[in-house]
């Protein structure tokens, strides 16, 4: 398998009004993993994720989340994500600064 399919990017986002609601987001070719104590306070129905690609297209993750624990949520994409083609990740309106 090519190295481009093994890459992932990580970033942090604050999903609330206080400092205790920081969530780590990991973007991989199969989807997004969110970790953080703040996830226990967010209803899955209220979680909105958008991937903005370099070509101007967008992928929205509005449903299909799996909450494995209070502090771990996964979203599996219906198609492979080319991580290097993602320019922005937006969670509930908040831009996540992604780093390799």
PDB file of N, CA and C in Angstrom:
ATOM      1  N   UNK A   1       0.845  -1.191   0.000  1.00  0.00           N
ATOM      2  CA  UNK A   1       0.000   0.000   0.000  1.00  0.00           C
ATOM      3  C   UNK A   1       0.881   1.242   0.000  1.00  0.00           C
ATOM      4  N   UNK A   2       0.505   2.221  -0.739  1.00  0.00           N
ATOM      5  CA  UNK A   2       1.266   3.454  -0.864  1.00  0.00           C
ATOM      6  C   UNK A   2       1.278   4.235   0.446  1.00  0.00           C
ATOM      7  N   UNK A   3       2.378   4.970   0.673  1.00  0.00           N
ATOM      8  CA  UNK A   3       2.484   5.786   1.883  1.00  0.00           C
ATOM      9  C   UNK A   3       1.387   6.830   1.977  1.00  0.00           C
ATOM     10  N   UNK A   4       0.876   7.311   0.828  1.00  0.00           N
ATOM     11  CA  UNK A   4      -0.138   8.360   0.876  1.00  0.00           C
ATOM     12  C   UNK A   4      -1.430   7.883   1.522  1.00  0.00           C
ATOM     13  N   UNK A   5      -1.640   6.572   1.591  1.00  0.00           N
ATOM     14  CA  UNK A   5      -2.833   6.054   2.239  1.00  0.00           C
ATOM     15  C   UNK A   5      -2.594   5.739   3.711  1.00  0.00           C
ATOM     16  N   UNK A   6      -1.371   5.902   4.176  1.00  0.00           N
ATOM     17  CA  UNK A   6      -1.054   5.646   5.565  1.00  0.00           C
ATOM     18  C   UNK A   6      -0.971   6.926   6.386  1.00  0.00           C
ATOM     19  N   UNK A   7      -1.099   8.060   5.741  1.00  0.00           N
ATOM     20  CA  UNK A   7      -0.956   9.334   6.428  1.00  0.00           C
ATOM     21  C   UNK A   7      -2.186   9.664   7.258  1.00  0.00           C
ATOM     22  N   UNK A   8      -1.927  10.428   8.291  1.00  0.00           N
ATOM     23  CA  UNK A   8      -3.028  10.981   9.073  1.00  0.00           C
ATOM     24  C   UNK A   8      -2.608  12.377   9.508  1.00  0.00           C
ATOM     25  N   UNK A   9      -3.590  13.169   9.881  1.00  0.00           N
ATOM     26  CA  UNK A   9      -3.337  14.514  10.392  1.00  0.00           C
ATOM     27  C   UNK A   9      -4.121  14.666  11.679  1.00  0.00           C
ATOM     28  N   UNK A  10      -3.586  15.462  12.586  1.00  0.00           N
ATOM     29  CA  UNK A  10      -4.232  15.702  13.881  1.00  0.00           C
ATOM     30  C   UNK A  10      -4.357  17.194  14.146  1.00  0.00           C
ATOM     31  N   UNK A  11      -5.358  17.502  14.948  1.00  0.00           N
ATOM     32  CA  UNK A  11      -5.541  18.876  15.373  1.00  0.00           C
ATOM     33  C   UNK A  11      -6.447  18.930  16.586  1.00  0.00           C
ATOM     34  N   UNK A  12      -6.562  20.111  17.161  1.00  0.00           N
ATOM     35  CA  UNK A  12      -7.406  20.307  18.342  1.00  0.00           C
ATOM     36  C   UNK A  12      -8.430  21.397  18.065  1.00  0.00           C
ATOM     37  N   UNK A  13      -9.579  21.229  18.702  1.00  0.00           N
ATOM     38  CA  UNK A  13     -10.638  22.221  18.558  1.00  0.00           C
ATOM     39  C   UNK A  13     -11.367  22.336  19.887  1.00  0.00           C
ATOM     40  N   UNK A  14     -11.794  23.557  20.209  1.00  0.00           N
ATOM     41  CA  UNK A  14     -12.561  23.803  21.417  1.00  0.00           C
ATOM     42  C   UNK A  14     -14.035  23.852  21.031  1.00  0.00           C
ATOM     43  N   UNK A  15     -14.819  22.881  21.494  1.00  0.00           N
ATOM     44  CA  UNK A  15     -16.222  22.786  21.097  1.00  0.00           C
ATOM     45  C   UNK A  15     -17.195  23.449  22.061  1.00  0.00           C
ATOM     46  N   UNK A  16     -16.671  24.154  23.032  1.00  0.00           N
ATOM     47  CA  UNK A  16     -17.564  24.819  23.982  1.00  0.00           C
ATOM     48  C   UNK A  16     -17.050  26.184  24.353  1.00  0.00           C
ATOM     49  N   UNK A  17     -17.653  26.760  25.351  1.00  0.00           N
ATOM     50  CA  UNK A  17     -17.289  28.109  25.762  1.00  0.00           C
ATOM     51  C   UNK A  17     -16.211  28.133  26.841  1.00  0.00           C
ATOM     52  N   UNK A  18     -15.888  26.970  27.414  1.00  0.00           N
ATOM     53  CA  UNK A  18     -14.836  26.972  28.432  1.00  0.00           C
ATOM     54  C   UNK A  18     -13.675  26.099  27.970  1.00  0.00           C
ATOM     55  N   UNK A  19     -12.563  26.214  28.664  1.00  0.00           N
ATOM     56  CA  UNK A  19     -11.332  25.540  28.246  1.00  0.00           C
ATOM     57  C   UNK A  19     -11.394  24.025  28.431  1.00  0.00           C
ATOM     58  N   UNK A  20     -12.375  23.509  29.121  1.00  0.00           N
ATOM     59  CA  UNK A  20     -12.469  22.078  29.356  1.00  0.00           C
ATOM     60  C   UNK A  20     -13.158  21.310  28.241  1.00  0.00           C
ATOM     61  N   UNK A  21     -13.402  21.955  27.117  1.00  0.00           N
ATOM     62  CA  UNK A  21     -14.132  21.289  26.044  1.00  0.00           C
ATOM     63  C   UNK A  21     -13.258  21.080  24.802  1.00  0.00           C
ATOM     64  N   UNK A  22     -11.958  20.912  25.013  1.00  0.00           N
ATOM     65  CA  UNK A  22     -11.059  20.686  23.887  1.00  0.00           C
ATOM     66  C   UNK A  22     -11.147  19.233  23.428  1.00  0.00           C
ATOM     67  N   UNK A  23     -11.167  19.062  22.125  1.00  0.00           N
ATOM     68  CA  UNK A  23     -11.269  17.746  21.511  1.00  0.00           C
ATOM     69  C   UNK A  23     -10.116  17.589  20.523  1.00  0.00           C
ATOM     70  N   UNK A  24      -9.504  16.402  20.511  1.00  0.00           N
ATOM     71  CA  UNK A  24      -8.484  16.107  19.503  1.00  0.00           C
ATOM     72  C   UNK A  24      -9.156  15.395  18.346  1.00  0.00           C
ATOM     73  N   UNK A  25      -8.855  15.839  17.126  1.00  0.00           N
ATOM     74  CA  UNK A  25      -9.393  15.224  15.917  1.00  0.00           C
ATOM     75  C   UNK A  25      -8.245  14.584  15.143  1.00  0.00           C
ATOM     76  N   UNK A  26      -8.446  13.330  14.728  1.00  0.00           N
ATOM     77  CA  UNK A  26      -7.470  12.643  13.892  1.00  0.00           C
ATOM     78  C   UNK A  26      -8.148  12.270  12.584  1.00  0.00           C
ATOM     79  N   UNK A  27      -7.625  12.804  11.487  1.00  0.00           N
ATOM     80  CA  UNK A  27      -8.145  12.536  10.157  1.00  0.00           C
ATOM     81  C   UNK A  27      -7.281  11.449   9.529  1.00  0.00           C
ATOM     82  N   UNK A  28      -7.913  10.406   9.036  1.00  0.00           N
ATOM     83  CA  UNK A  28      -7.201   9.315   8.372  1.00  0.00           C
ATOM     84  C   UNK A  28      -7.933   8.969   7.080  1.00  0.00           C
ATOM     85  N   UNK A  29      -7.368   8.107   6.255  1.00  0.00           N
ATOM     86  CA  UNK A  29      -8.036   7.749   5.003  1.00  0.00           C
ATOM     87  C   UNK A  29      -9.412   7.104   5.186  1.00  0.00           C
ATOM     88  N   UNK A  30      -9.687   6.551   6.357  1.00  0.00           N
ATOM     89  CA  UNK A  30     -10.987   5.895   6.551  1.00  0.00           C
ATOM     90  C   UNK A  30     -12.004   6.735   7.302  1.00  0.00           C
ATOM     91  N   UNK A  31     -11.583   7.855   7.881  1.00  0.00           N
ATOM     92  CA  UNK A  31     -12.536   8.683   8.600  1.00  0.00           C
ATOM     93  C   UNK A  31     -11.881   9.592   9.614  1.00  0.00           C
ATOM     94  N   UNK A  32     -12.633   9.906  10.651  1.00  0.00           N
ATOM     95  CA  UNK A  32     -12.181  10.840  11.680  1.00  0.00           C
ATOM     96  C   UNK A  32     -12.438  10.230  13.050  1.00  0.00           C
ATOM     97  N   UNK A  33     -11.434  10.366  13.924  1.00  0.00           N
ATOM     98  CA  UNK A  33     -11.571   9.941  15.313  1.00  0.00           C
ATOM     99  C   UNK A  33     -11.481  11.179  16.191  1.00  0.00           C
ATOM    100  N   UNK A  34     -12.447  11.340  17.074  1.00  0.00           N
ATOM    101  CA  UNK A  34     -12.461  12.451  18.019  1.00  0.00           C
ATOM    102  C   UNK A  34     -12.249  11.900  19.421  1.00  0.00           C
ATOM    103  N   UNK A  35     -11.355  12.529  20.186  1.00  0.00           N
ATOM    104  CA  UNK A  35     -11.140  12.121  21.568  1.00  0.00           C
ATOM    105  C   UNK A  35     -11.138  13.358  22.460  1.00  0.00           C
ATOM    106  N   UNK A  36     -11.697  13.204  23.643  1.00  0.00           N
ATOM    107  CA  UNK A  36     -11.714  14.292  24.618  1.00  0.00           C
ATOM    108  C   UNK A  36     -12.917  14.185  25.534  1.00  0.00           C
ATOM    109  N   UNK A  37     -12.741  14.678  26.745  1.00  0.00           N
ATOM    110  CA  UNK A  37     -13.806  14.620  27.745  1.00  0.00           C
ATOM    111  C   UNK A  37     -15.052  15.382  27.317  1.00  0.00           C
ATOM    112  N   UNK A  38     -14.884  16.404  26.473  1.00  0.00           N
ATOM    113  CA  UNK A  38     -16.017  17.228  26.035  1.00  0.00           C
ATOM    114  C   UNK A  38     -17.039  16.431  25.245  1.00  0.00           C
ATOM    115  N   UNK A  39     -16.629  15.320  24.654  1.00  0.00           N
ATOM    116  CA  UNK A  39     -17.548  14.543  23.814  1.00  0.00           C
ATOM    117  C   UNK A  39     -18.714  13.966  24.608  1.00  0.00           C
ATOM    118  N   UNK A  40     -18.537  13.737  25.885  1.00  0.00           N
ATOM    119  CA  UNK A  40     -19.617  13.248  26.726  1.00  0.00           C
ATOM    120  C   UNK A  40     -20.735  14.271  26.902  1.00  0.00           C
ATOM    121  N   UNK A  41     -20.447  15.541  26.608  1.00  0.00           N
ATOM    122  CA  UNK A  41     -21.427  16.610  26.764  1.00  0.00           C
ATOM    123  C   UNK A  41     -22.128  16.954  25.450  1.00  0.00           C
ATOM    124  N   UNK A  42     -21.714  16.323  24.346  1.00  0.00           N
ATOM    125  CA  UNK A  42     -22.268  16.648  23.027  1.00  0.00           C
ATOM    126  C   UNK A  42     -23.130  15.497  22.536  1.00  0.00           C
ATOM    127  N   UNK A  43     -24.361  15.804  22.154  1.00  0.00           N
ATOM    128  CA  UNK A  43     -25.224  14.781  21.568  1.00  0.00           C
ATOM    129  C   UNK A  43     -24.733  14.492  20.161  1.00  0.00           C
ATOM    130  N   UNK A  44     -24.716  13.233  19.785  1.00  0.00           N
ATOM    131  CA  UNK A  44     -24.230  12.859  18.459  1.00  0.00           C
ATOM    132  C   UNK A  44     -25.046  13.529  17.358  1.00  0.00           C
ATOM    133  N   UNK A  45     -26.324  13.786  17.608  1.00  0.00           N
ATOM    134  CA  UNK A  45     -27.176  14.458  16.618  1.00  0.00           C
ATOM    135  C   UNK A  45     -26.720  15.892  16.370  1.00  0.00           C
ATOM    136  N   UNK A  46     -25.998  16.472  17.339  1.00  0.00           N
ATOM    137  CA  UNK A  46     -25.548  17.860  17.230  1.00  0.00           C
ATOM    138  C   UNK A  46     -24.137  17.978  16.658  1.00  0.00           C
ATOM    139  N   UNK A  47     -23.495  16.859  16.371  1.00  0.00           N
ATOM    140  CA  UNK A  47     -22.126  16.869  15.867  1.00  0.00           C
ATOM    141  C   UNK A  47     -22.137  16.986  14.342  1.00  0.00           C
ATOM    142  N   UNK A  48     -21.489  18.024  13.834  1.00  0.00           N
ATOM    143  CA  UNK A  48     -21.433  18.274  12.392  1.00  0.00           C
ATOM    144  C   UNK A  48     -19.971  18.433  11.987  1.00  0.00           C
ATOM    145  N   UNK A  49     -19.541  17.639  11.012  1.00  0.00           N
ATOM    146  CA  UNK A  49     -18.160  17.695  10.536  1.00  0.00           C
ATOM    147  C   UNK A  49     -18.169  17.926   9.030  1.00  0.00           C
ATOM    148  N   UNK A  50     -17.281  18.797   8.587  1.00  0.00           N
ATOM    149  CA  UNK A  50     -17.151  19.048   7.157  1.00  0.00           C
ATOM    150  C   UNK A  50     -15.670  19.004   6.777  1.00  0.00           C
ATOM    151  N   UNK A  51     -15.375  18.266   5.720  1.00  0.00           N
ATOM    152  CA  UNK A  51     -14.035  18.242   5.142  1.00  0.00           C
ATOM    153  C   UNK A  51     -14.066  19.136   3.912  1.00  0.00           C
ATOM    154  N   UNK A  52     -13.173  20.099   3.872  1.00  0.00           N
ATOM    155  CA  UNK A  52     -13.063  20.976   2.716  1.00  0.00           C
ATOM    156  C   UNK A  52     -11.814  20.556   1.954  1.00  0.00           C
ATOM    157  N   UNK A  53     -12.004  20.174   0.682  1.00  0.00           N
ATOM    158  CA  UNK A  53     -10.904  19.673  -0.118  1.00  0.00           C
ATOM    159  C   UNK A  53     -10.254  20.787  -0.926  1.00  0.00           C
ATOM    160  N   UNK A  54      -9.017  20.577  -1.321  1.00  0.00           N
ATOM    161  CA  UNK A  54      -8.251  21.589  -2.055  1.00  0.00           C
ATOM    162  C   UNK A  54      -8.888  21.953  -3.390  1.00  0.00           C
ATOM    163  N   UNK A  55      -9.670  21.037  -3.975  1.00  0.00           N
ATOM    164  CA  UNK A  55     -10.320  21.331  -5.256  1.00  0.00           C
ATOM    165  C   UNK A  55     -11.629  22.102  -5.097  1.00  0.00           C
ATOM    166  N   UNK A  56     -11.953  22.484  -3.856  1.00  0.00           N
ATOM    167  CA  UNK A  56     -13.156  23.265  -3.592  1.00  0.00           C
ATOM    168  C   UNK A  56     -14.379  22.452  -3.213  1.00  0.00           C
ATOM    169  N   UNK A  57     -14.319  21.129  -3.356  1.00  0.00           N
ATOM    170  CA  UNK A  57     -15.453  20.295  -2.964  1.00  0.00           C
ATOM    171  C   UNK A  57     -15.460  20.082  -1.455  1.00  0.00           C
ATOM    172  N   UNK A  58     -16.597  19.632  -0.963  1.00  0.00           N
ATOM    173  CA  UNK A  58     -16.769  19.405   0.476  1.00  0.00           C
ATOM    174  C   UNK A  58     -17.373  18.037   0.715  1.00  0.00           C
ATOM    175  N   UNK A  59     -16.981  17.431   1.815  1.00  0.00           N
ATOM    176  CA  UNK A  59     -17.594  16.193   2.291  1.00  0.00           C
ATOM    177  C   UNK A  59     -18.191  16.504   3.653  1.00  0.00           C
ATOM    178  N   UNK A  60     -19.451  16.167   3.845  1.00  0.00           N
ATOM    179  CA  UNK A  60     -20.094  16.418   5.127  1.00  0.00           C
ATOM    180  C   UNK A  60     -20.352  15.122   5.861  1.00  0.00           C
ATOM    181  N   UNK A  61     -20.049  15.150   7.137  1.00  0.00           N
ATOM    182  CA  UNK A  61     -20.345  14.023   8.012  1.00  0.00           C
ATOM    183  C   UNK A  61     -21.417  14.503   8.981  1.00  0.00           C
ATOM    184  N   UNK A  62     -22.654  14.254   8.628  1.00  0.00           N
ATOM    185  CA  UNK A  62     -23.766  14.706   9.459  1.00  0.00           C
ATOM    186  C   UNK A  62     -24.336  13.574  10.304  1.00  0.00           C
ATOM    187  N   UNK A  63     -24.121  12.350   9.856  1.00  0.00           N
ATOM    188  CA  UNK A  63     -24.606  11.172  10.577  1.00  0.00           C
ATOM    189  C   UNK A  63     -23.540  10.084  10.489  1.00  0.00           C
ATOM    190  N   UNK A  64     -23.800   8.976  11.137  1.00  0.00           N
ATOM    191  CA  UNK A  64     -22.895   7.838  11.049  1.00  0.00           C
ATOM    192  C   UNK A  64     -21.804   7.833  12.096  1.00  0.00           C
ATOM    193  N   UNK A  65     -22.001   8.557  13.165  1.00  0.00           N
ATOM    194  CA  UNK A  65     -21.010   8.586  14.230  1.00  0.00           C
ATOM    195  C   UNK A  65     -21.215   7.399  15.172  1.00  0.00           C
ATOM    196  N   UNK A  66     -20.111   6.875  15.664  1.00  0.00           N
ATOM    197  CA  UNK A  66     -20.147   5.790  16.634  1.00  0.00           C
ATOM    198  C   UNK A  66     -19.459   6.285  17.892  1.00  0.00           C
ATOM    199  N   UNK A  67     -20.184   6.309  19.001  1.00  0.00           N
ATOM    200  CA  UNK A  67     -19.580   6.727  20.263  1.00  0.00           C
ATOM    201  C   UNK A  67     -19.166   5.480  21.018  1.00  0.00           C
ATOM    202  N   UNK A  68     -17.847   5.270  21.110  1.00  0.00           N
ATOM    203  CA  UNK A  68     -17.316   4.062  21.734  1.00  0.00           C
ATOM    204  C   UNK A  68     -17.205   4.206  23.249  1.00  0.00           C
ATOM    205  N   UNK A  69     -16.933   5.404  23.701  1.00  0.00           N
ATOM    206  CA  UNK A  69     -16.864   5.756  25.122  1.00  0.00           C
ATOM    207  C   UNK A  69     -17.334   7.198  25.232  1.00  0.00           C
ATOM    208  N   UNK A  70     -17.452   7.691  26.446  1.00  0.00           N
ATOM    209  CA  UNK A  70     -17.826   9.097  26.616  1.00  0.00           C
ATOM    210  C   UNK A  70     -16.814  10.033  25.982  1.00  0.00           C
ATOM    211  N   UNK A  71     -15.556   9.571  25.856  1.00  0.00           N
ATOM    212  CA  UNK A  71     -14.516  10.444  25.331  1.00  0.00           C
ATOM    213  C   UNK A  71     -13.923   9.971  24.001  1.00  0.00           C
ATOM    214  N   UNK A  72     -14.650   9.125  23.249  1.00  0.00           N
ATOM    215  CA  UNK A  72     -14.156   8.631  21.963  1.00  0.00           C
ATOM    216  C   UNK A  72     -15.307   8.455  20.975  1.00  0.00           C
ATOM    217  N   UNK A  73     -15.213   9.179  19.859  1.00  0.00           N
ATOM    218  CA  UNK A  73     -16.224   9.112  18.805  1.00  0.00           C
ATOM    219  C   UNK A  73     -15.512   8.868  17.480  1.00  0.00           C
ATOM    220  N   UNK A  74     -16.076   7.992  16.658  1.00  0.00           N
ATOM    221  CA  UNK A  74     -15.519   7.716  15.335  1.00  0.00           C
ATOM    222  C   UNK A  74     -16.565   7.984  14.262  1.00  0.00           C
ATOM    223  N   UNK A  75     -16.076   8.438  13.129  1.00  0.00           N
ATOM    224  CA  UNK A  75     -16.888   8.555  11.926  1.00  0.00           C
ATOM    225  C   UNK A  75     -16.129   7.845  10.822  1.00  0.00           C
ATOM    226  N   UNK A  76     -16.768   6.861  10.199  1.00  0.00           N
ATOM    227  CA  UNK A  76     -16.170   6.110   9.114  1.00  0.00           C
ATOM    228  C   UNK A  76     -16.765   6.631   7.806  1.00  0.00           C
ATOM    229  N   UNK A  77     -15.897   7.069   6.909  1.00  0.00           N
ATOM    230  CA  UNK A  77     -16.333   7.610   5.629  1.00  0.00           C
ATOM    231  C   UNK A  77     -16.789   6.493   4.697  1.00  0.00           C
ATOM    232  N   UNK A  78     -17.744   6.812   3.848  1.00  0.00           N
ATOM    233  CA  UNK A  78     -18.230   5.834   2.871  1.00  0.00           C
ATOM    234  C   UNK A  78     -17.245   5.667   1.712  1.00  0.00           C
ATOM    235  N   UNK A  79     -16.276   6.582   1.602  1.00  0.00           N
ATOM    236  CA  UNK A  79     -15.231   6.438   0.593  1.00  0.00           C
ATOM    237  C   UNK A  79     -13.897   6.870   1.189  1.00  0.00           C
ATOM    238  N   UNK A  80     -12.819   6.373   0.594  1.00  0.00           N
ATOM    239  CA  UNK A  80     -11.483   6.674   1.094  1.00  0.00           C
ATOM    240  C   UNK A  80     -11.195   8.170   0.994  1.00  0.00           C
ATOM    241  N   UNK A  81     -10.639   8.709   2.052  1.00  0.00           N
ATOM    242  CA  UNK A  81     -10.285  10.126   2.112  1.00  0.00           C
ATOM    243  C   UNK A  81      -8.804  10.258   1.756  1.00  0.00           C
ATOM    244  N   UNK A  82      -8.519  11.058   0.770  1.00  0.00           N
ATOM    245  CA  UNK A  82      -7.120  11.352   0.447  1.00  0.00           C
ATOM    246  C   UNK A  82      -6.701  12.495   1.380  1.00  0.00           C
ATOM    247  N   UNK A  83      -6.056  12.121   2.477  1.00  0.00           N
ATOM    248  CA  UNK A  83      -5.718  13.067   3.532  1.00  0.00           C
ATOM    249  C   UNK A  83      -4.960  14.270   2.991  1.00  0.00           C
ATOM    250  N   UNK A  84      -4.063  14.043   2.033  1.00  0.00           N
ATOM    251  CA  UNK A  84      -3.269  15.143   1.489  1.00  0.00           C
ATOM    252  C   UNK A  84      -4.115  16.128   0.689  1.00  0.00           C
ATOM    253  N   UNK A  85      -5.330  15.741   0.296  1.00  0.00           N
ATOM    254  CA  UNK A  85      -6.219  16.628  -0.460  1.00  0.00           C
ATOM    255  C   UNK A  85      -7.139  17.464   0.430  1.00  0.00           C
ATOM    256  N   UNK A  86      -7.105  17.240   1.739  1.00  0.00           N
ATOM    257  CA  UNK A  86      -7.972  17.978   2.668  1.00  0.00           C
ATOM    258  C   UNK A  86      -7.289  19.293   3.047  1.00  0.00           C
ATOM    259  N   UNK A  87      -7.967  20.404   2.776  1.00  0.00           N
ATOM    260  CA  UNK A  87      -7.399  21.707   3.127  1.00  0.00           C
ATOM    261  C   UNK A  87      -7.878  22.169   4.501  1.00  0.00           C
ATOM    262  N   UNK A  88      -9.124  21.829   4.860  1.00  0.00           N
ATOM    263  CA  UNK A  88      -9.673  22.241   6.153  1.00  0.00           C
ATOM    264  C   UNK A  88     -10.600  21.174   6.713  1.00  0.00           C
ATOM    265  N   UNK A  89     -10.621  21.094   8.020  1.00  0.00           N
ATOM    266  CA  UNK A  89     -11.570  20.274   8.757  1.00  0.00           C
ATOM    267  C   UNK A  89     -12.337  21.225   9.661  1.00  0.00           C
ATOM    268  N   UNK A  90     -13.675  21.179   9.574  1.00  0.00           N
ATOM    269  CA  UNK A  90     -14.515  22.065  10.382  1.00  0.00           C
ATOM    270  C   UNK A  90     -15.449  21.195  11.211  1.00  0.00           C
ATOM    271  N   UNK A  91     -15.421  21.407  12.530  1.00  0.00           N
ATOM    272  CA  UNK A  91     -16.286  20.655  13.438  1.00  0.00           C
ATOM    273  C   UNK A  91     -17.187  21.650  14.159  1.00  0.00           C
ATOM    274  N   UNK A  92     -18.490  21.487  13.988  1.00  0.00           N
ATOM    275  CA  UNK A  92     -19.484  22.382  14.600  1.00  0.00           C
ATOM    276  C   UNK A  92     -19.127  23.859  14.384  1.00  0.00           C
ATOM    277  N   UNK A  93     -18.704  24.161  13.148  1.00  0.00           N
ATOM    278  CA  UNK A  93     -18.401  25.540  12.806  1.00  0.00           C
ATOM    279  C   UNK A  93     -17.020  26.013  13.208  1.00  0.00           C
ATOM    280  N   UNK A  94     -16.251  25.178  13.899  1.00  0.00           N
ATOM    281  CA  UNK A  94     -14.917  25.547  14.349  1.00  0.00           C
ATOM    282  C   UNK A  94     -13.866  24.903  13.456  1.00  0.00           C
ATOM    283  N   UNK A  95     -12.973  25.711  12.904  1.00  0.00           N
ATOM    284  CA  UNK A  95     -11.904  25.191  12.050  1.00  0.00           C
ATOM    285  C   UNK A  95     -10.846  24.512  12.904  1.00  0.00           C
ATOM    286  N   UNK A  96     -10.422  23.323  12.473  1.00  0.00           N
ATOM    287  CA  UNK A  96      -9.375  22.563  13.153  1.00  0.00           C
ATOM    288  C   UNK A  96      -8.082  22.754  12.380  1.00  0.00           C
ATOM    289  N   UNK A  97      -7.038  23.223  13.031  1.00  0.00           N
ATOM    290  CA  UNK A  97      -5.741  23.348  12.383  1.00  0.00           C
ATOM    291  C   UNK A  97      -5.070  21.984  12.402  1.00  0.00           C
ATOM    292  N   UNK A  98      -4.939  21.373  11.226  1.00  0.00           N
ATOM    293  CA  UNK A  98      -4.405  20.024  11.118  1.00  0.00           C
ATOM    294  C   UNK A  98      -2.898  20.040  10.890  1.00  0.00           C
ATOM    295  N   UNK A  99      -2.213  19.105  11.547  1.00  0.00           N
ATOM    296  CA  UNK A  99      -0.778  18.925  11.376  1.00  0.00           C
ATOM    297  C   UNK A  99      -0.505  17.441  11.188  1.00  0.00           C
ATOM    298  N   UNK A 100       0.557  17.150  10.432  1.00  0.00           N
ATOM    299  CA  UNK A 100       0.920  15.747  10.225  1.00  0.00           C
ATOM    300  C   UNK A 100       1.611  15.192  11.439  1.00  0.00           C
TER     301      UNK A 100
END
